[in-house]
Protein backbone atom coordinates (compact mmCIF):
# COMPACT_ATOMS: atom_id res chain seq x y z
CA MET A 1 -47.53 -8.17 -214.76
CA THR A 2 -47.29 -11.34 -216.87
CA TYR A 3 -43.81 -9.89 -218.64
CA THR A 4 -42.69 -9.19 -215.06
CA SER A 5 -43.19 -12.09 -213.74
CA ARG A 6 -41.52 -14.05 -216.88
CA VAL A 7 -38.48 -11.87 -216.09
CA PHE A 8 -38.53 -12.69 -212.45
CA ASN A 9 -38.99 -16.70 -213.56
CA HIS A 10 -35.81 -16.58 -215.78
CA SER A 11 -33.62 -13.84 -213.90
CA LYS A 12 -31.23 -16.64 -212.59
CA LYS A 13 -30.97 -18.04 -216.18
CA LEU A 14 -29.77 -14.77 -217.54
CA ARG A 15 -26.20 -15.65 -215.36
CA ASN A 16 -25.79 -18.00 -217.51
CA ALA A 17 -26.35 -16.10 -220.82
CA PRO A 18 -22.91 -16.64 -222.72
CA ASN A 19 -23.75 -20.57 -222.59
CA LEU A 20 -27.35 -19.86 -223.84
CA LEU A 21 -26.22 -17.56 -226.66
CA ARG A 22 -23.56 -20.33 -228.19
CA GLN A 23 -26.23 -22.51 -228.00
CA GLU A 24 -28.88 -20.90 -229.69
CA HIS A 25 -28.65 -17.58 -230.72
CA SER A 26 -32.50 -16.49 -230.88
CA THR A 27 -33.39 -18.13 -227.11
CA LEU A 28 -32.73 -15.34 -225.38
CA VAL A 29 -35.08 -12.99 -227.66
CA ARG A 30 -37.76 -15.83 -227.49
CA TRP A 31 -37.91 -15.68 -223.60
CA PHE A 32 -38.55 -12.21 -223.50
CA SER A 33 -40.74 -11.67 -226.82
CA ASN A 34 -42.83 -14.83 -226.59
CA LYS A 35 -45.95 -12.70 -226.86
CA ALA A 36 -44.34 -9.51 -228.10
CA ARG A 37 -45.00 -9.60 -231.75
CA PRO A 38 -41.94 -6.83 -232.58
CA PHE A 39 -39.76 -9.45 -231.84
CA SER A 40 -41.30 -12.74 -232.26
CA SER A 41 -41.68 -11.40 -236.08
CA LYS A 42 -37.93 -11.57 -236.69
CA GLY A 43 -37.22 -14.96 -235.93
CA ASP A 44 -34.10 -16.49 -235.22
CA ASP A 45 -32.32 -13.78 -237.62
CA ILE A 46 -33.06 -10.84 -235.10
CA LEU A 47 -29.71 -11.10 -233.53
CA LYS A 48 -26.69 -12.77 -235.18
CA ILE A 49 -23.95 -13.38 -232.28
CA PRO A 50 -20.67 -15.13 -232.81
CA GLY A 51 -19.92 -17.00 -230.00
CA GLU A 52 -16.22 -16.42 -230.11
CA ARG A 53 -16.86 -12.44 -229.97
CA TYR A 54 -19.11 -13.20 -226.55
CA ARG A 55 -16.67 -15.20 -224.73
CA ASP A 56 -14.41 -12.55 -224.35
CA CYS A 57 -16.80 -10.33 -222.49
CA ASN A 58 -17.48 -10.56 -218.68
CA SER A 59 -20.73 -12.47 -217.35
CA PRO A 60 -23.80 -10.30 -217.21
CA SER A 61 -25.08 -9.14 -214.19
CA THR A 62 -28.72 -8.96 -212.84
CA ALA A 63 -30.46 -5.66 -214.19
CA SER A 64 -32.97 -3.67 -212.56
CA PHE A 65 -36.60 -4.72 -213.10
CA SER A 66 -38.37 -1.11 -213.21
CA HIS A 67 -39.44 -1.80 -216.92
CA THR A 68 -40.46 -5.33 -218.36
CA TYR A 69 -38.08 -5.34 -221.15
CA ARG A 70 -35.21 -3.27 -219.67
CA ALA A 71 -34.54 -6.26 -217.41
CA ILE A 72 -31.91 -7.34 -219.66
CA ASN A 73 -29.00 -6.14 -218.75
CA THR A 74 -27.02 -3.24 -220.42
CA ASP A 75 -23.57 -4.96 -220.45
CA THR A 76 -25.19 -8.05 -222.17
CA ILE A 77 -26.43 -6.23 -224.82
CA THR A 78 -23.73 -4.17 -225.14
CA SER A 79 -21.12 -6.91 -225.25
CA LEU A 80 -22.95 -8.53 -228.17
CA GLY A 81 -21.07 -5.95 -229.95
CA ILE A 82 -23.36 -5.92 -233.24
CA PHE A 83 -26.73 -4.90 -234.14
CA GLU A 84 -28.71 -4.25 -237.17
CA GLY A 85 -30.03 -0.81 -237.36
CA ASN A 86 -33.87 -1.93 -237.04
CA VAL A 87 -33.31 -4.10 -234.31
CA SER A 88 -31.41 -1.29 -232.07
CA ARG A 89 -34.42 0.88 -232.97
CA THR A 90 -37.01 -1.98 -231.67
CA ALA A 91 -34.75 -2.44 -228.58
CA MET A 92 -35.07 1.41 -227.73
CA LYS A 93 -38.84 1.32 -228.18
CA MET A 94 -39.26 -1.42 -226.20
CA GLY A 95 -37.04 0.32 -223.43
CA ILE A 96 -34.00 -1.81 -223.51
CA PRO A 97 -30.89 0.51 -223.20
CA VAL A 98 -28.40 -0.10 -225.75
CA THR A 99 -24.50 1.20 -225.66
CA GLY A 100 -21.58 1.18 -227.87
CA SER A 101 -21.01 1.82 -231.62
CA LEU A 102 -23.41 0.66 -233.90
CA LEU A 103 -22.44 -0.17 -237.66
CA SER A 104 -18.89 0.63 -236.85
CA LYS A 105 -17.28 -1.65 -239.35
CA GLY A 106 -17.76 1.85 -241.78
CA PHE A 107 -15.63 3.87 -239.33
CA SER A 108 -11.93 2.77 -239.72
CA GLY A 109 -9.69 3.48 -237.35
CA SER A 110 -11.66 5.45 -234.81
CA CYS A 111 -13.58 5.06 -231.61
CA MET A 112 -16.69 6.90 -231.99
CA HIS A 113 -18.35 7.40 -228.11
CA LEU A 114 -21.96 6.23 -228.22
CA ARG A 115 -24.19 6.63 -225.23
CA ARG A 116 -28.11 5.53 -225.11
CA GLY A 117 -29.79 7.38 -222.22
CA PHE A 118 -32.97 6.81 -220.51
CA SER A 119 -33.77 9.99 -218.06
CA SER A 120 -36.75 8.89 -216.35
CA ASP A 121 -36.27 11.39 -213.45
CA SER A 122 -36.16 14.36 -216.06
CA GLY A 123 -38.79 13.11 -218.60
CA LEU A 124 -36.21 12.88 -221.59
CA PRO A 125 -37.19 10.14 -224.30
CA ALA A 126 -34.85 7.73 -225.33
CA HIS A 127 -31.63 9.58 -226.94
CA GLN A 128 -28.18 9.07 -227.76
CA LYS A 129 -25.15 10.85 -226.59
CA ILE A 130 -22.28 11.42 -229.40
CA GLY A 131 -18.79 11.37 -227.88
CA MET A 132 -15.77 13.19 -229.15
CA PRO A 133 -14.31 10.37 -231.20
CA SER A 134 -10.81 9.09 -231.04
CA LEU A 135 -9.73 9.60 -234.72
CA SER A 136 -5.76 8.76 -234.11
CA PRO A 137 -3.72 6.78 -231.76
CA THR A 138 -2.36 9.72 -230.34
CA MET A 139 -5.28 12.16 -230.10
CA THR A 140 -6.41 13.09 -226.59
CA GLU A 141 -9.08 15.88 -227.58
CA GLY A 142 -10.06 17.75 -230.71
CA ASN A 143 -11.57 20.88 -232.38
CA ILE A 144 -14.94 21.07 -233.95
CA ALA A 145 -14.16 22.70 -237.28
CA ARG A 146 -17.92 22.84 -238.65
CA TRP A 147 -20.94 20.99 -238.55
CA LEU A 148 -22.57 19.72 -241.77
CA LYS A 149 -25.97 18.75 -240.21
CA LYS A 150 -28.29 21.23 -238.21
CA GLU A 151 -30.26 20.39 -235.30
CA GLY A 152 -33.58 18.69 -236.67
CA ASP A 153 -31.87 17.20 -239.62
CA LYS A 154 -32.57 13.88 -240.24
CA ILE A 155 -29.39 11.64 -240.23
CA SER A 156 -28.56 8.46 -241.99
CA PRO A 157 -25.61 5.90 -241.53
CA GLY A 158 -22.64 6.89 -243.57
CA GLU A 159 -23.52 10.39 -243.66
CA VAL A 160 -21.17 13.09 -242.50
CA LEU A 161 -22.02 15.00 -239.19
CA CYS A 162 -19.06 17.47 -238.76
CA GLU A 163 -15.61 18.12 -239.58
CA VAL A 164 -13.18 17.15 -236.43
CA GLU A 165 -9.82 18.92 -236.53
CA THR A 166 -7.32 16.09 -234.86
CA ASP A 167 -3.75 16.24 -233.81
CA LYS A 168 -2.84 15.11 -237.31
CA ALA A 169 -5.63 16.69 -239.90
CA THR A 170 -9.32 17.61 -240.18
CA VAL A 171 -11.55 14.24 -240.14
CA GLU A 172 -14.90 13.54 -241.29
CA MET A 173 -17.03 12.26 -238.39
CA GLU A 174 -19.55 9.83 -239.76
CA CYS A 175 -23.33 9.39 -238.60
CA MET A 176 -23.70 5.49 -237.43
CA GLU A 177 -27.36 5.39 -236.95
CA GLU A 178 -30.60 6.34 -238.38
CA GLY A 179 -32.13 9.37 -236.65
CA TYR A 180 -32.57 13.06 -235.83
CA LEU A 181 -29.88 15.33 -234.70
CA ALA A 182 -31.42 16.95 -231.45
CA LYS A 183 -28.87 19.04 -230.15
CA ILE A 184 -25.56 20.39 -231.03
CA ILE A 185 -23.56 20.73 -227.38
CA GLN A 186 -20.23 21.85 -229.27
CA GLY A 187 -20.87 24.36 -231.99
CA ASP A 188 -18.71 25.48 -234.74
CA GLY A 189 -15.12 26.17 -233.68
CA ALA A 190 -15.50 24.47 -230.10
CA LYS A 191 -11.72 23.75 -229.37
CA GLU A 192 -9.88 21.58 -226.97
CA ILE A 193 -12.75 18.90 -226.63
CA LYS A 194 -11.75 15.69 -224.43
CA VAL A 195 -12.10 12.81 -226.34
CA GLY A 196 -15.28 10.98 -225.11
CA GLU A 197 -16.71 14.39 -223.86
CA VAL A 198 -20.44 14.88 -225.49
CA ILE A 199 -20.69 17.05 -228.36
CA ALA A 200 -24.36 16.22 -229.85
CA ILE A 201 -27.74 14.31 -228.97
CA THR A 202 -29.53 12.32 -231.37
CA VAL A 203 -33.00 10.82 -231.23
CA GLU A 204 -35.08 8.23 -233.18
CA GLU A 205 -38.11 10.03 -233.61
CA GLU A 206 -38.56 13.28 -235.01
CA GLU A 207 -41.34 14.35 -232.24
CA ASP A 208 -38.64 14.05 -229.54
CA ILE A 209 -36.18 17.04 -230.96
CA ALA A 210 -38.02 19.66 -229.00
CA LYS A 211 -37.65 17.86 -225.66
CA PHE A 212 -33.82 18.93 -226.21
CA LYS A 213 -33.95 22.09 -226.94
CA ASP A 214 -32.94 23.45 -223.56
CA TYR A 215 -30.67 20.32 -222.91
CA LYS A 216 -27.19 20.68 -221.02
CA PRO A 217 -25.16 17.82 -220.29
CA SER A 218 -24.75 16.55 -216.69
CA PRO A 219 -21.86 17.30 -214.75
CA SER A 220 -20.14 14.14 -215.15
CA ASP A 221 -19.94 14.76 -218.94
CA ALA A 222 -18.78 18.28 -218.27
CA ALA A 223 -16.03 17.11 -215.88
CA ALA A 224 -13.52 17.72 -218.10
CA GLU A 225 -14.32 21.34 -218.70
CA SER A 226 -14.71 21.85 -215.08
CA LYS A 227 -11.15 20.33 -214.10
CA GLY A 228 -9.38 22.64 -216.73
CA SER A 229 -11.13 26.21 -215.15
CA SER A 230 -10.42 24.53 -211.60
CA ASP A 231 -6.77 24.06 -212.31
CA SER A 232 -6.18 27.85 -212.82
CA THR A 233 -7.27 29.06 -209.64
CA PRO A 234 -4.38 27.62 -206.82
CA PRO A 235 -1.54 30.05 -208.58
CA LYS A 236 -3.88 33.10 -207.16
CA LYS A 237 -4.07 31.33 -203.41
CA GLU A 238 -0.70 30.97 -203.73
CA GLU A 239 0.04 34.65 -204.77
CA VAL A 240 -2.17 35.90 -202.01
CA LYS A 241 -0.14 33.17 -199.53
CA GLU A 242 3.41 34.56 -200.44
CA GLU A 243 2.51 38.22 -200.38
CA PRO A 244 3.14 38.62 -196.57
CA THR A 245 6.63 36.76 -196.83
CA SER A 246 7.86 39.28 -199.50
CA SER A 247 7.69 42.15 -197.16
CA PRO A 248 10.10 42.79 -194.03
CA GLU A 249 8.83 41.04 -191.05
CA PRO A 250 8.70 43.60 -187.91
CA LYS A 251 11.74 43.51 -185.89
CA SER A 252 12.30 43.50 -182.48
CA SER A 253 13.55 47.00 -180.71
CA LYS A 254 15.98 45.32 -178.85
CA ALA A 255 18.58 44.72 -181.58
CA SER A 256 21.82 43.27 -180.86
CA ALA A 257 25.03 44.08 -182.43
CA ALA A 258 26.30 40.63 -184.81
CA PRO A 259 27.95 38.29 -182.52
CA SER A 260 31.36 37.12 -183.28
CA THR A 261 33.80 35.15 -182.22
CA GLU A 262 37.84 36.20 -183.09
CA GLY A 263 36.18 38.59 -185.72
CA ARG A 264 33.77 35.96 -187.17
CA ILE A 265 30.13 37.38 -188.05
CA PHE A 266 27.20 34.90 -188.01
CA ALA A 267 25.01 35.04 -190.90
CA SER A 268 22.50 33.11 -192.48
CA PRO A 269 23.96 31.91 -196.28
CA LEU A 270 20.81 33.47 -197.69
CA ALA A 271 21.85 36.99 -195.99
CA ARG A 272 25.54 36.43 -196.76
CA LYS A 273 24.45 36.21 -200.44
CA LEU A 274 22.37 39.14 -200.38
CA ALA A 275 24.74 41.25 -198.79
CA GLU A 276 27.57 40.25 -201.43
CA GLU A 277 25.13 41.00 -204.61
CA HIS A 278 24.58 44.30 -202.86
CA ASN A 279 28.22 45.36 -201.26
CA VAL A 280 26.71 45.38 -197.92
CA PRO A 281 29.33 44.82 -195.01
CA LEU A 282 28.13 42.43 -192.32
CA SER A 283 29.91 44.12 -189.35
CA SER A 284 27.40 47.48 -189.90
CA ILE A 285 24.31 45.28 -189.33
CA LYS A 286 22.78 44.08 -186.50
CA GLY A 287 21.47 40.86 -186.16
CA THR A 288 17.97 39.88 -185.08
CA GLY A 289 17.85 35.88 -185.61
CA THR A 290 18.66 33.47 -183.22
CA GLY A 291 21.39 34.06 -180.89
CA GLY A 292 21.88 37.59 -182.81
CA SER A 293 22.75 36.40 -186.15
CA ILE A 294 22.17 38.16 -189.28
CA VAL A 295 19.21 36.87 -191.59
CA LYS A 296 17.86 37.97 -194.99
CA ALA A 297 15.28 40.42 -193.30
CA ASP A 298 18.26 42.34 -191.69
CA ILE A 299 19.81 42.83 -195.08
CA GLU A 300 16.57 44.19 -196.47
CA ASP A 301 15.90 46.46 -193.90
CA TYR A 302 19.25 48.14 -194.42
CA LEU A 303 18.77 48.36 -198.08
CA ALA A 304 15.55 49.84 -197.36
CA SER A 305 17.39 52.58 -195.05
CA ARG A 306 19.43 53.45 -197.77
CA GLY A 307 16.91 53.72 -200.49
CA LYS A 308 17.86 50.89 -202.52
CA GLU A 309 14.80 48.91 -202.46
CA GLY A 310 14.76 48.81 -206.37
CA SER A 311 17.56 46.97 -206.32
CA LEU A 312 16.09 43.90 -204.77
CA THR A 313 13.68 43.19 -207.57
CA ALA A 314 14.47 42.54 -211.19
CA PRO A 315 14.54 45.69 -213.26
CA LYS A 316 11.02 46.42 -214.70
CA VAL A 317 10.63 47.05 -218.50
CA THR A 318 9.96 50.55 -219.35
CA ASP A 319 8.19 51.94 -222.18
CA THR A 320 11.68 52.52 -224.19
CA MET A 321 12.23 48.81 -223.76
CA ALA A 322 8.89 47.52 -224.52
CA LEU A 323 8.60 44.82 -227.56
CA ASP A 324 6.01 44.64 -230.27
CA TYR A 325 4.63 40.76 -230.58
CA THR A 326 1.82 38.89 -231.83
CA ASP A 327 0.72 35.50 -229.72
CA LEU A 328 -0.01 32.77 -232.25
CA PRO A 329 -2.54 30.01 -230.90
CA HIS A 330 -1.18 26.53 -231.07
CA SER A 331 -2.81 24.18 -233.82
CA GLN A 332 -3.71 20.70 -233.12
CA ILE A 333 -0.90 19.25 -235.20
CA ARG A 334 1.73 21.60 -233.74
CA LYS A 335 1.05 20.79 -230.30
CA ILE A 336 1.03 17.01 -230.80
CA THR A 337 4.33 17.53 -232.59
CA ALA A 338 5.87 19.14 -230.07
CA SER A 339 4.94 16.72 -227.13
CA ARG A 340 6.04 13.80 -229.33
CA LEU A 341 9.42 15.45 -230.56
CA LEU A 342 9.89 16.54 -226.93
CA LEU A 343 9.13 12.89 -225.68
CA SER A 344 11.49 11.36 -228.82
CA LYS A 345 14.46 13.70 -227.67
CA GLN A 346 13.98 12.50 -223.76
CA THR A 347 13.19 9.05 -224.26
CA ILE A 348 15.24 7.93 -227.28
CA PRO A 349 19.33 7.45 -227.37
CA HIS A 350 19.92 9.23 -230.46
CA TYR A 351 23.01 8.99 -232.28
CA TYR A 352 23.85 10.28 -235.89
CA LEU A 353 25.95 8.77 -238.98
CA THR A 354 26.74 10.79 -241.86
CA VAL A 355 27.99 10.00 -245.35
CA ASP A 356 28.62 11.88 -248.34
CA THR A 357 26.75 9.85 -251.72
CA CYS A 358 27.96 10.94 -255.21
CA VAL A 359 24.48 11.65 -256.87
CA ASP A 360 25.88 12.04 -260.68
CA LYS A 361 24.43 8.86 -262.10
CA LEU A 362 21.50 9.76 -259.97
CA MET A 363 20.99 12.71 -262.10
CA ASP A 364 21.44 11.01 -265.24
CA LEU A 365 19.02 8.31 -264.65
CA ARG A 366 16.49 10.84 -263.23
CA SER A 367 16.78 12.90 -266.55
CA GLN A 368 16.47 9.83 -268.76
CA LEU A 369 13.17 8.76 -266.62
CA ASN A 370 11.52 12.23 -266.68
CA SER A 371 12.05 11.94 -270.84
CA ILE A 372 9.92 8.97 -270.87
CA GLN A 373 7.52 10.13 -268.44
CA GLU A 374 7.12 13.36 -270.58
CA ALA A 375 6.73 11.58 -273.63
CA SER A 376 4.11 9.34 -272.35
CA GLY A 377 2.28 12.17 -270.05
CA GLY A 378 3.29 11.05 -266.68
CA LYS A 379 4.57 13.18 -264.02
CA ARG A 380 8.21 14.15 -263.64
CA ILE A 381 10.33 12.01 -260.92
CA SER A 382 12.15 14.07 -257.95
CA ILE A 383 15.67 13.50 -256.60
CA ASN A 384 13.20 12.60 -253.61
CA ASP A 385 11.41 10.03 -255.12
CA LEU A 386 14.77 8.29 -256.19
CA VAL A 387 15.55 8.82 -252.21
CA ILE A 388 12.56 7.07 -251.03
CA LYS A 389 13.05 4.11 -253.35
CA ALA A 390 16.56 3.68 -252.45
CA ALA A 391 15.78 4.15 -248.52
CA ALA A 392 12.72 1.58 -249.06
CA LEU A 393 15.32 -1.17 -250.96
CA ALA A 394 17.84 -0.40 -248.10
CA LEU A 395 15.55 -1.36 -245.52
CA ARG A 396 14.72 -4.66 -247.16
CA LYS A 397 18.06 -5.32 -247.22
CA VAL A 398 19.15 -4.41 -243.65
CA PRO A 399 15.52 -5.38 -241.78
CA GLN A 400 17.23 -4.48 -238.38
CA CYS A 401 16.48 -0.88 -239.23
CA ASN A 402 12.88 -1.26 -240.14
CA SER A 403 12.08 -2.00 -236.18
CA SER A 404 10.62 -0.24 -233.42
CA TRP A 405 11.48 -0.76 -229.49
CA THR A 406 9.50 -2.23 -226.58
CA ASN A 407 9.99 -2.81 -222.91
CA ASP A 408 10.07 -6.95 -223.99
CA TYR A 409 10.80 -7.11 -227.44
CA ILE A 410 12.33 -5.60 -230.49
CA ARG A 411 9.21 -5.59 -233.41
CA GLN A 412 10.65 -6.08 -237.05
CA TYR A 413 8.56 -4.86 -239.55
CA HIS A 414 7.66 -7.19 -242.83
CA ASN A 415 6.32 -4.09 -244.10
CA VAL A 416 8.76 -0.95 -245.63
CA ASN A 417 6.29 1.94 -244.96
CA ILE A 418 8.06 5.24 -245.55
CA ASN A 419 7.01 8.72 -244.11
CA VAL A 420 7.96 11.66 -245.98
CA ALA A 421 8.04 14.97 -243.96
CA VAL A 422 5.84 17.44 -245.39
CA GLN A 423 5.91 21.12 -244.23
CA THR A 424 2.90 23.16 -244.26
CA ASP A 425 1.10 26.29 -242.87
CA ASN A 426 -0.51 24.39 -240.09
CA GLY A 427 2.40 22.41 -239.02
CA LEU A 428 4.63 19.20 -240.01
CA PHE A 429 2.87 16.59 -241.36
CA VAL A 430 4.62 12.90 -242.54
CA PRO A 431 2.22 11.11 -244.76
CA VAL A 432 3.36 7.49 -245.28
CA ILE A 433 3.96 5.69 -248.81
CA LYS A 434 2.72 1.98 -248.11
CA ASP A 435 5.26 -0.89 -249.26
CA ALA A 436 7.28 1.44 -251.04
CA ASP A 437 10.31 -1.27 -251.80
CA LYS A 438 7.78 -3.27 -254.03
CA LYS A 439 6.34 0.43 -256.11
CA GLY A 440 7.64 1.62 -258.91
CA LEU A 441 9.20 5.24 -259.11
CA SER A 442 6.10 6.49 -261.08
CA LYS A 443 3.71 5.28 -258.55
CA ILE A 444 5.75 6.94 -255.48
CA SER A 445 6.02 10.10 -257.16
CA GLU A 446 2.41 9.84 -257.67
CA GLU A 447 1.38 9.14 -254.36
CA VAL A 448 4.11 11.69 -252.57
CA LYS A 449 2.32 14.39 -254.78
CA GLN A 450 -1.03 13.51 -253.92
CA LEU A 451 -0.42 13.47 -250.16
CA ALA A 452 1.56 16.41 -250.01
CA GLN A 453 -1.60 18.35 -251.52
CA LYS A 454 -3.61 16.78 -249.08
CA ALA A 455 -1.30 17.80 -246.36
CA LYS A 456 -1.14 21.33 -247.20
CA GLU A 457 -4.96 21.53 -247.55
CA ASN A 458 -5.12 19.71 -244.05
CA ASN A 459 -7.41 16.80 -245.39
CA LEU A 460 -5.34 14.03 -244.63
CA LYS A 461 -7.07 10.64 -243.20
CA PRO A 462 -5.62 8.37 -240.50
CA VAL A 463 -5.17 6.01 -243.18
CA ASP A 464 -2.62 8.55 -245.00
CA TYR A 465 -0.04 8.63 -242.07
CA GLU A 466 -0.44 5.58 -239.98
CA GLY A 467 1.28 2.53 -240.05
CA GLY A 468 4.98 3.88 -241.16
CA THR A 469 8.18 1.99 -240.18
CA PHE A 470 10.94 4.91 -241.51
CA THR A 471 10.78 8.60 -242.05
CA VAL A 472 12.71 10.64 -244.75
CA SER A 473 13.09 14.33 -244.38
CA ASN A 474 14.66 16.09 -247.15
CA LEU A 475 15.42 19.93 -246.68
CA GLY A 476 18.25 19.78 -249.21
CA GLY A 477 16.23 19.97 -252.29
CA PRO A 478 13.45 22.71 -251.16
CA PHE A 479 15.76 24.92 -248.99
CA GLY A 480 19.32 24.18 -249.91
CA ILE A 481 20.28 22.77 -246.26
CA LYS A 482 23.54 20.83 -246.70
CA GLN A 483 23.39 18.78 -243.86
CA PHE A 484 21.30 18.21 -240.41
CA CYS A 485 20.16 15.88 -237.85
CA ALA A 486 16.43 14.92 -237.85
CA ILE A 487 14.71 13.87 -234.50
CA ILE A 488 13.24 10.08 -234.64
CA ASN A 489 9.61 9.76 -235.16
CA PRO A 490 8.58 7.61 -232.28
CA PRO A 491 8.10 4.46 -232.26
CA GLN A 492 10.00 4.15 -235.27
CA SER A 493 14.02 3.54 -234.85
CA GLY A 494 15.38 5.91 -237.42
CA ILE A 495 15.15 8.92 -239.73
CA LEU A 496 17.15 9.60 -243.01
CA ALA A 497 18.25 13.55 -242.99
CA ILE A 498 18.97 14.53 -246.91
CA GLY A 499 20.94 17.85 -247.63
CA SER A 500 21.67 19.48 -250.74
CA ALA A 501 23.64 18.32 -253.45
CA ASP A 502 26.84 20.56 -254.41
CA LYS A 503 29.75 19.95 -256.79
CA ARG A 504 33.14 19.31 -255.56
CA VAL A 505 36.68 18.93 -257.06
CA VAL A 506 37.91 15.03 -256.76
CA PRO A 507 41.45 13.69 -257.57
CA GLY A 508 41.72 12.11 -261.06
CA THR A 509 43.47 8.76 -262.01
CA GLY A 510 46.59 11.09 -262.66
CA PRO A 511 49.03 12.93 -260.42
CA ASP A 512 48.10 16.62 -261.90
CA GLU A 513 44.18 15.28 -262.72
CA PHE A 514 41.00 16.29 -261.08
CA LYS A 515 37.44 16.27 -262.01
CA PHE A 516 34.34 17.86 -260.63
CA ALA A 517 31.20 15.63 -258.68
CA SER A 518 28.03 16.21 -257.09
CA PHE A 519 27.69 15.11 -253.64
CA MET A 520 24.68 14.87 -251.51
CA SER A 521 25.19 14.73 -247.72
CA VAL A 522 22.75 12.28 -245.68
CA THR A 523 22.61 11.63 -241.81
CA LEU A 524 20.83 8.86 -240.36
CA SER A 525 19.71 9.36 -237.14
CA CYS A 526 19.51 5.79 -234.84
CA ASP A 527 18.02 4.56 -231.77
CA HIS A 528 20.53 2.73 -230.38
CA ARG A 529 18.55 0.63 -228.16
CA VAL A 530 17.42 -1.02 -231.57
CA ILE A 531 20.14 -0.36 -234.08
CA ASP A 532 23.94 -0.74 -233.17
CA GLY A 533 26.46 1.26 -234.66
CA ALA A 534 27.73 -1.52 -236.87
CA ILE A 535 23.89 -2.22 -238.32
CA GLY A 536 23.35 1.58 -239.02
CA ALA A 537 26.79 1.60 -240.85
CA GLU A 538 25.76 -1.13 -242.80
CA TRP A 539 22.34 0.37 -243.62
CA LEU A 540 24.09 3.18 -244.82
CA LYS A 541 26.38 1.52 -246.69
CA ALA A 542 23.60 -0.14 -248.77
CA PHE A 543 21.75 3.30 -249.39
CA LYS A 544 25.10 4.74 -250.67
CA SER A 545 25.47 1.81 -252.96
CA TYR A 546 21.86 2.38 -254.55
CA ILE A 547 22.31 6.04 -254.89
CA GLU A 548 25.28 5.77 -256.57
CA ASN A 549 24.59 2.92 -258.67
CA PRO A 550 20.88 3.63 -259.12
CA GLU A 551 20.19 0.99 -262.06
CA SER A 552 20.33 -1.60 -259.22
CA MET A 553 16.87 -0.06 -257.76
CA LEU A 554 15.30 -1.24 -261.29
CA LEU A 555 16.57 -5.03 -260.84
């Protein structure tokens, strides 16, 4: 009762918690731990709350007082944003509900959904619900590749819980708090789990594990799954409703001849069309519609009487026309790639600029550099590495092409990060070379090979493919494609398509002289909202200059 009365006495002051916390970080703890040793022993070091971070949160509302220490509002605690592991465990033991991602600084580029549960009605102890994390900006659902921890295992911050197959790659999901893995809701191979949907339960105490043996998510947690199943029922109802309409309606025995005025026959447009398709003379049909006009059902009855019912339906596939096929399930990367490319072609006004570049000097320089690389034990440099470097330098020279469109402004990037399209068995990946304009050819070559290998092994991390400002796609060297137009990778405004190099005859200095030279076709796809035609042409001019005079890239 003593603690409860203290809570009521200070309930009004809780409304001014933001001001209180800015004045003294430990005051709130002292209010509720004057005689509680677990808190008071820590002193002012229990909560270290940056005032400016708390100012962004709403004022906490008054919490329920069913438990002495649970009177601290959940929003108030979660808005603090940072708790050390021992503080969160102490709070749980004293009944304070804690939500949010603890120690989240170690999980870059992700948003793990963690929720504390206090199920007094069901008798379950304090636990934590782990939701499917958002591991990339475009991720809406993911798959569980495999669990690296089993039910009952002890877990510590930084340890890998499971591998999640996202829309980009397979990413390791790390543990945020110390405890025990009590229940795995979504096992190995679980598919299409919505972001935020519960996949596992963790507890603080080992003896609480057994209490979650038969645990099942609440209806609110399984809403995403039930929605998917309910969406499949309406079509069945529609089919049932449509069945009666497909059969001819009973006609009156008092059918009269089709009315005509000076040879004109009255019939509905649908009836006329059906009659034309099956060469039915309207003059021989008795109409049953309004005023004796001919309707579709009259034509169907006429055809049925002539034994031509089969002509009203599409021809069925017979055994001789049956096709042998295999349905291949979509991978996550293929589904998200398809949706992004569709969005790009529907919403971005593409236009294309093509230019031929002479690559004789580029190939000579590559041969010289590879001789030096082989002598020093380095990796060989490819034509694609030189193309990436030239594209990066051209973007630095014409920064308008290193931009993105928004409804309010054009964002021009100061970093030149080049995405490189890599085809794998799992789909198309676009790992990124950060600051490509500032890196040497040897470094670019090394990074491209490392990222391509990780893409083929499906081990790319979000940091490996996020943050690109321009994309290069090369189908010339690997596949011999002479020229093609690539689709822009949103939100970027340009992508360069590289074709193959082939020898051509070019005029010499004299009237009867000629020589051979190798030319490579490149096509720039531009977002016309960002890159005007003249700007795109200026960029291609700069790119061609670097390709045809490769020594300038080394300056």
